[in-house]
Amino acid sequence: MSTRDDYVKKMHDLLDKLNAEIDALADKAEHAQADVREEAREQIAQLRTRQEQAREKLASLRGAGEGAWEDLKAGMEMAKEAIGEAIASARSRFDK
């Protein structure tokens, strides 16, 4: 398996894990107090949008030529970090 294949698999597994975290946050949001619930739903929607964008970047990465995949990999790393930060932010609001 090539380095690119390993990386794509690793990112795919990470996105699956993040999806499970988003699902857990969505469940918490539905059980939150009414004043928090709507804001939480908006954050969850934003997380799902970011996750979909990351999946699209991952799909591009799979099909990229050797020269382009390093650039796409950098974009994927930024997307991964943004999702992680957004999840941490949402989690901190629910744990208050």
N, C-alpha and C. Protein backbone atom coordinates (compact mmCIF):
# COMPACT_ATOMS: atom_id res chain seq x y z
N MET A 1 0.85 -1.18 0.00
CA MET A 1 0.00 0.00 0.00
C MET A 1 0.90 1.24 0.00
N SER A 2 0.57 2.21 -0.82
CA SER A 2 1.39 3.41 -0.92
C SER A 2 1.14 4.35 0.25
N THR A 3 2.02 5.31 0.38
CA THR A 3 1.87 6.31 1.43
C THR A 3 0.54 7.05 1.28
N ARG A 4 0.20 7.35 0.03
CA ARG A 4 -1.06 8.05 -0.20
C ARG A 4 -2.24 7.17 0.22
N ASP A 5 -2.21 5.91 -0.14
CA ASP A 5 -3.29 5.00 0.25
C ASP A 5 -3.41 4.90 1.77
N ASP A 6 -2.26 4.82 2.44
CA ASP A 6 -2.26 4.78 3.90
C ASP A 6 -2.88 6.04 4.48
N TYR A 7 -2.49 7.17 3.92
CA TYR A 7 -3.00 8.45 4.41
C TYR A 7 -4.51 8.55 4.19
N VAL A 8 -4.97 8.18 3.01
CA VAL A 8 -6.40 8.24 2.70
C VAL A 8 -7.18 7.34 3.65
N LYS A 9 -6.69 6.15 3.93
CA LYS A 9 -7.36 5.25 4.86
C LYS A 9 -7.40 5.85 6.25
N LYS A 10 -6.28 6.40 6.69
CA LYS A 10 -6.21 7.03 8.01
C LYS A 10 -7.22 8.17 8.12
N MET A 11 -7.31 9.02 7.10
CA MET A 11 -8.25 10.15 7.13
C MET A 11 -9.70 9.66 7.05
N HIS A 12 -9.94 8.62 6.28
CA HIS A 12 -11.28 8.07 6.20
C HIS A 12 -11.71 7.53 7.57
N ASP A 13 -10.82 6.82 8.23
CA ASP A 13 -11.11 6.31 9.57
C ASP A 13 -11.35 7.46 10.56
N LEU A 14 -10.55 8.51 10.45
CA LEU A 14 -10.71 9.66 11.33
C LEU A 14 -12.06 10.34 11.09
N LEU A 15 -12.44 10.50 9.83
CA LEU A 15 -13.72 11.12 9.53
C LEU A 15 -14.88 10.28 10.05
N ASP A 16 -14.75 8.96 10.02
CA ASP A 16 -15.77 8.10 10.60
C ASP A 16 -15.86 8.31 12.10
N LYS A 17 -14.70 8.43 12.75
CA LYS A 17 -14.68 8.69 14.20
C LYS A 17 -15.32 10.04 14.52
N LEU A 18 -14.97 11.05 13.73
CA LEU A 18 -15.55 12.38 13.94
C LEU A 18 -17.06 12.36 13.72
N ASN A 19 -17.51 11.56 12.78
CA ASN A 19 -18.94 11.43 12.54
C ASN A 19 -19.64 10.88 13.79
N ALA A 20 -19.02 9.89 14.42
CA ALA A 20 -19.59 9.34 15.65
C ALA A 20 -19.64 10.39 16.76
N GLU A 21 -18.60 11.23 16.83
CA GLU A 21 -18.60 12.30 17.83
C GLU A 21 -19.68 13.33 17.54
N ILE A 22 -19.86 13.66 16.27
CA ILE A 22 -20.92 14.61 15.89
C ILE A 22 -22.28 14.02 16.24
N ASP A 23 -22.48 12.73 15.97
CA ASP A 23 -23.74 12.08 16.33
C ASP A 23 -23.99 12.15 17.83
N ALA A 24 -22.94 11.93 18.63
CA ALA A 24 -23.08 12.00 20.08
C ALA A 24 -23.43 13.42 20.53
N LEU A 25 -22.81 14.40 19.90
CA LEU A 25 -23.13 15.80 20.23
C LEU A 25 -24.56 16.14 19.83
N ALA A 26 -25.00 15.61 18.69
CA ALA A 26 -26.38 15.86 18.24
C ALA A 26 -27.37 15.27 19.22
N ASP A 27 -27.05 14.10 19.75
CA ASP A 27 -27.92 13.47 20.75
C ASP A 27 -27.97 14.32 22.01
N LYS A 28 -26.80 14.81 22.45
CA LYS A 28 -26.78 15.69 23.63
C LYS A 28 -27.58 16.96 23.37
N ALA A 29 -27.47 17.48 22.16
CA ALA A 29 -28.17 18.72 21.81
C ALA A 29 -29.67 18.54 21.93
N GLU A 30 -30.16 17.40 21.51
CA GLU A 30 -31.60 17.16 21.57
C GLU A 30 -32.10 17.05 23.00
N HIS A 31 -31.21 16.75 23.93
CA HIS A 31 -31.60 16.63 25.32
C HIS A 31 -31.19 17.84 26.15
N ALA A 32 -30.66 18.86 25.49
CA ALA A 32 -30.22 20.08 26.17
C ALA A 32 -31.42 20.97 26.49
N GLN A 33 -31.17 21.93 27.33
CA GLN A 33 -32.22 22.90 27.65
C GLN A 33 -32.59 23.67 26.39
N ALA A 34 -33.81 24.12 26.35
CA ALA A 34 -34.35 24.76 25.15
C ALA A 34 -33.51 25.94 24.69
N ASP A 35 -32.99 26.74 25.62
CA ASP A 35 -32.23 27.92 25.23
C ASP A 35 -30.89 27.56 24.58
N VAL A 36 -30.39 26.36 24.82
CA VAL A 36 -29.13 25.91 24.25
C VAL A 36 -29.37 25.07 22.99
N ARG A 37 -30.51 24.45 22.92
CA ARG A 37 -30.80 23.47 21.87
C ARG A 37 -30.67 24.06 20.46
N GLU A 38 -31.25 25.22 20.21
CA GLU A 38 -31.23 25.79 18.86
C GLU A 38 -29.81 26.15 18.43
N GLU A 39 -29.06 26.75 19.32
CA GLU A 39 -27.67 27.08 19.00
C GLU A 39 -26.87 25.80 18.74
N ALA A 40 -27.14 24.79 19.53
CA ALA A 40 -26.45 23.51 19.36
C ALA A 40 -26.78 22.90 18.01
N ARG A 41 -28.03 22.96 17.62
CA ARG A 41 -28.43 22.42 16.31
C ARG A 41 -27.70 23.13 15.18
N GLU A 42 -27.52 24.45 15.31
CA GLU A 42 -26.81 25.21 14.29
C GLU A 42 -25.34 24.78 14.23
N GLN A 43 -24.73 24.59 15.40
CA GLN A 43 -23.34 24.13 15.43
C GLN A 43 -23.20 22.75 14.81
N ILE A 44 -24.15 21.88 15.10
CA ILE A 44 -24.12 20.53 14.53
C ILE A 44 -24.23 20.60 13.01
N ALA A 45 -25.11 21.46 12.53
CA ALA A 45 -25.25 21.62 11.07
C ALA A 45 -23.94 22.12 10.45
N GLN A 46 -23.28 23.05 11.12
CA GLN A 46 -22.00 23.54 10.62
C GLN A 46 -20.94 22.44 10.64
N LEU A 47 -20.96 21.63 11.69
CA LEU A 47 -20.01 20.51 11.76
C LEU A 47 -20.24 19.53 10.61
N ARG A 48 -21.50 19.24 10.34
CA ARG A 48 -21.82 18.30 9.25
C ARG A 48 -21.37 18.88 7.90
N THR A 49 -21.52 20.19 7.72
CA THR A 49 -21.07 20.83 6.49
C THR A 49 -19.56 20.72 6.36
N ARG A 50 -18.85 21.00 7.45
CA ARG A 50 -17.39 20.89 7.41
C ARG A 50 -16.94 19.46 7.15
N GLN A 51 -17.65 18.53 7.76
CA GLN A 51 -17.31 17.13 7.56
C GLN A 51 -17.51 16.73 6.09
N GLU A 52 -18.60 17.19 5.50
CA GLU A 52 -18.86 16.88 4.09
C GLU A 52 -17.77 17.50 3.20
N GLN A 53 -17.35 18.71 3.52
CA GLN A 53 -16.27 19.34 2.76
C GLN A 53 -14.98 18.53 2.89
N ALA A 54 -14.71 18.02 4.09
CA ALA A 54 -13.52 17.20 4.29
C ALA A 54 -13.61 15.91 3.49
N ARG A 55 -14.80 15.31 3.44
CA ARG A 55 -14.98 14.08 2.65
C ARG A 55 -14.76 14.36 1.16
N GLU A 56 -15.20 15.53 0.70
CA GLU A 56 -14.98 15.90 -0.69
C GLU A 56 -13.49 16.07 -0.98
N LYS A 57 -12.77 16.69 -0.04
CA LYS A 57 -11.32 16.85 -0.21
C LYS A 57 -10.64 15.48 -0.23
N LEU A 58 -11.12 14.60 0.62
CA LEU A 58 -10.55 13.25 0.66
C LEU A 58 -10.78 12.53 -0.66
N ALA A 59 -11.97 12.70 -1.23
CA ALA A 59 -12.25 12.09 -2.53
C ALA A 59 -11.33 12.67 -3.60
N SER A 60 -11.07 13.97 -3.56
CA SER A 60 -10.15 14.59 -4.51
C SER A 60 -8.75 14.05 -4.33
N LEU A 61 -8.39 13.83 -3.08
CA LEU A 61 -7.07 13.31 -2.76
C LEU A 61 -6.85 11.93 -3.36
N ARG A 62 -7.88 11.11 -3.30
CA ARG A 62 -7.78 9.75 -3.85
C ARG A 62 -7.46 9.78 -5.34
N GLY A 63 -8.06 10.72 -6.06
CA GLY A 63 -7.89 10.74 -7.50
C GLY A 63 -6.82 11.68 -8.00
N ALA A 64 -6.11 12.33 -7.08
CA ALA A 64 -5.11 13.32 -7.49
C ALA A 64 -3.86 12.65 -8.05
N GLY A 65 -3.23 13.34 -8.98
CA GLY A 65 -1.95 12.89 -9.50
C GLY A 65 -0.87 13.04 -8.44
N GLU A 66 0.26 12.42 -8.68
CA GLU A 66 1.35 12.44 -7.70
C GLU A 66 1.75 13.86 -7.31
N GLY A 67 1.81 14.76 -8.27
CA GLY A 67 2.24 16.12 -7.97
C GLY A 67 1.24 16.91 -7.15
N ALA A 68 -0.03 16.66 -7.35
CA ALA A 68 -1.08 17.44 -6.69
C ALA A 68 -1.44 16.91 -5.31
N TRP A 69 -1.14 15.68 -5.01
CA TRP A 69 -1.65 15.11 -3.78
C TRP A 69 -1.05 15.74 -2.54
N GLU A 70 0.18 16.25 -2.60
CA GLU A 70 0.76 16.93 -1.43
C GLU A 70 -0.01 18.20 -1.10
N ASP A 71 -0.42 18.95 -2.13
CA ASP A 71 -1.22 20.16 -1.91
C ASP A 71 -2.58 19.80 -1.32
N LEU A 72 -3.20 18.78 -1.86
CA LEU A 72 -4.50 18.35 -1.35
C LEU A 72 -4.39 17.80 0.06
N LYS A 73 -3.28 17.15 0.35
CA LYS A 73 -3.05 16.62 1.70
C LYS A 73 -3.01 17.77 2.70
N ALA A 74 -2.36 18.86 2.34
CA ALA A 74 -2.30 20.03 3.24
C ALA A 74 -3.70 20.58 3.48
N GLY A 75 -4.51 20.64 2.46
CA GLY A 75 -5.90 21.09 2.61
C GLY A 75 -6.70 20.15 3.49
N MET A 76 -6.45 18.87 3.37
CA MET A 76 -7.14 17.88 4.20
C MET A 76 -6.76 18.04 5.66
N GLU A 77 -5.49 18.31 5.91
CA GLU A 77 -5.03 18.52 7.29
C GLU A 77 -5.72 19.74 7.91
N MET A 78 -5.85 20.81 7.13
CA MET A 78 -6.53 22.01 7.63
C MET A 78 -7.99 21.72 7.92
N ALA A 79 -8.64 20.97 7.06
CA ALA A 79 -10.04 20.61 7.27
C ALA A 79 -10.20 19.76 8.52
N LYS A 80 -9.28 18.82 8.71
CA LYS A 80 -9.31 17.94 9.89
C LYS A 80 -9.18 18.76 11.16
N GLU A 81 -8.25 19.71 11.17
CA GLU A 81 -8.04 20.55 12.34
C GLU A 81 -9.26 21.42 12.62
N ALA A 82 -9.86 21.97 11.58
CA ALA A 82 -11.04 22.82 11.75
C ALA A 82 -12.20 22.04 12.35
N ILE A 83 -12.40 20.83 11.88
CA ILE A 83 -13.48 19.99 12.42
C ILE A 83 -13.20 19.65 13.88
N GLY A 84 -11.96 19.29 14.16
CA GLY A 84 -11.59 18.96 15.54
C GLY A 84 -11.81 20.12 16.49
N GLU A 85 -11.43 21.32 16.06
CA GLU A 85 -11.63 22.51 16.89
C GLU A 85 -13.12 22.81 17.08
N ALA A 86 -13.90 22.65 16.04
CA ALA A 86 -15.34 22.91 16.13
C ALA A 86 -16.01 21.89 17.05
N ILE A 87 -15.59 20.64 16.99
CA ILE A 87 -16.15 19.63 17.88
C ILE A 87 -15.78 19.94 19.32
N ALA A 88 -14.54 20.32 19.55
CA ALA A 88 -14.11 20.67 20.92
C ALA A 88 -14.90 21.86 21.46
N SER A 89 -15.15 22.83 20.61
CA SER A 89 -15.94 24.00 21.02
C SER A 89 -17.38 23.59 21.36
N ALA A 90 -17.97 22.79 20.51
CA ALA A 90 -19.34 22.35 20.76
C ALA A 90 -19.41 21.50 22.02
N ARG A 91 -18.46 20.62 22.18
CA ARG A 91 -18.43 19.75 23.36
C ARG A 91 -18.33 20.58 24.64
N SER A 92 -17.51 21.63 24.62
CA SER A 92 -17.34 22.46 25.82
C SER A 92 -18.64 23.17 26.18
N ARG A 93 -19.43 23.52 25.20
CA ARG A 93 -20.72 24.18 25.49
C ARG A 93 -21.71 23.23 26.12
N PHE A 94 -21.66 21.97 25.72
CA PHE A 94 -22.61 20.98 26.28
C PHE A 94 -22.21 20.52 27.66
N ASP A 95 -20.91 20.60 27.95
CA ASP A 95 -20.42 20.11 29.23
C ASP A 95 -20.48 21.16 30.33
N LYS A 96 -21.02 22.32 30.03
CA LYS A 96 -21.13 23.38 31.04
C LYS A 96 -22.19 23.03 32.05
